[in-house]
């Protein structure tokens, strides 16, 4: 599901009838930016009975190029993970 499809679902569930898809996309984008800033500040964002977004730190690892068999190191990086609550599963 992309952001536009999500906006259409949001529009259907919204109580106001004058909400456009464009306005719904803006609201969704604003919400995602807020969550992104909160994760950067605190390291995780929890939604009760829904789940949690948290930062996952991946360790560095050594891989080989399949063509040249040269060993390369992949540097550590941070990713965001959503962990659903037991009620969502």
Protein backbone atom coordinates (compact mmCIF):
# COMPACT_ATOMS: atom_id res chain seq x y z
CA UNK A 1 0.00 0.00 0.00
CA UNK A 2 1.42 3.34 -0.98
CA UNK A 3 0.75 6.71 0.63
CA UNK A 4 -2.05 7.64 -1.79
CA UNK A 5 -3.94 4.40 -1.14
CA UNK A 6 -3.49 4.94 2.59
CA UNK A 7 -4.90 8.45 2.17
CA UNK A 8 -8.01 7.05 0.47
CA UNK A 9 -8.59 4.65 3.39
CA UNK A 10 -7.99 7.50 5.84
CA UNK A 11 -10.48 9.66 3.95
CA UNK A 12 -13.17 6.97 4.23
CA UNK A 13 -12.65 6.58 7.99
CA UNK A 14 -12.42 10.32 8.72
CA UNK A 15 -15.53 11.81 10.32
CA UNK A 16 -15.51 14.99 8.19
CA UNK A 17 -16.94 14.67 4.67
CA UNK A 18 -14.99 17.60 3.21
CA UNK A 19 -11.56 15.93 3.45
CA UNK A 20 -9.79 15.59 0.10
CA UNK A 21 -7.20 12.98 -0.80
CA UNK A 22 -4.57 15.71 -1.16
CA UNK A 23 -5.30 17.00 2.36
CA UNK A 24 -5.22 13.42 3.69
CA UNK A 25 -1.79 12.87 2.11
CA UNK A 26 -0.55 16.09 3.75
CA UNK A 27 -1.83 14.96 7.16
CA UNK A 28 -0.21 11.53 6.77
CA UNK A 29 3.09 13.12 5.72
CA UNK A 30 2.98 15.47 8.71
CA UNK A 31 2.32 12.55 11.05
CA UNK A 32 5.21 10.53 9.61
CA UNK A 33 7.58 13.50 9.93
CA UNK A 34 6.53 13.93 13.57
CA UNK A 35 7.18 10.25 14.27
CA UNK A 36 10.56 10.51 12.54
CA UNK A 37 11.59 13.48 14.71
CA UNK A 38 10.40 11.73 17.88
CA UNK A 39 12.41 8.60 17.04
CA UNK A 40 15.50 10.73 16.43
CA UNK A 41 15.10 12.45 19.81
CA UNK A 42 14.09 9.54 22.04
CA UNK A 43 15.10 6.38 20.16
CA UNK A 44 11.61 4.88 20.13
CA UNK A 45 7.94 5.77 19.82
CA UNK A 46 5.27 3.60 21.42
CA UNK A 47 1.59 3.43 20.51
CA UNK A 48 -0.42 1.66 23.24
CA UNK A 49 -2.17 -1.50 22.00
CA UNK A 50 -0.66 -0.97 18.51
CA UNK A 51 3.12 -1.34 18.61
CA UNK A 52 6.39 0.54 18.73
CA UNK A 53 8.84 2.11 16.30
CA UNK A 54 12.42 1.70 17.48
CA UNK A 55 15.96 2.19 16.20
CA UNK A 56 17.83 -0.99 15.37
CA UNK A 57 21.63 -0.78 15.06
CA UNK A 58 23.03 -3.25 12.57
CA UNK A 59 26.54 -4.56 13.23
CA UNK A 60 29.35 -4.28 10.67
CA UNK A 61 29.93 -7.40 8.61
CA UNK A 62 32.27 -8.74 5.94
CA UNK A 63 30.84 -9.94 2.62
CA UNK A 64 32.41 -10.97 -0.66
CA UNK A 65 31.70 -9.61 -4.10
CA UNK A 66 30.18 -12.53 -6.06
CA UNK A 67 32.03 -11.64 -9.28
CA UNK A 68 35.54 -10.79 -8.04
CA UNK A 69 35.42 -12.62 -4.67
CA UNK A 70 36.89 -9.50 -3.11
CA UNK A 71 36.17 -9.13 0.61
CA UNK A 72 34.31 -5.93 1.54
CA UNK A 73 33.20 -4.55 4.86
CA UNK A 74 29.66 -3.26 5.24
CA UNK A 75 29.65 -0.49 7.79
CA UNK A 76 27.25 -0.39 10.76
CA UNK A 77 24.00 1.44 10.17
CA UNK A 78 20.81 2.36 11.93
CA UNK A 79 17.37 1.32 10.71
CA UNK A 80 13.88 1.83 12.04
CA UNK A 81 11.83 -1.22 12.98
CA UNK A 82 8.14 -1.48 13.82
CA UNK A 83 7.30 -4.13 16.38
CA UNK A 84 3.58 -4.89 16.56
CA UNK A 85 1.94 -5.48 19.93
CA UNK A 86 0.43 -8.83 20.87
CA UNK A 87 -3.07 -7.46 20.28
CA UNK A 88 -2.20 -6.41 16.72
CA UNK A 89 -0.82 -9.83 15.85
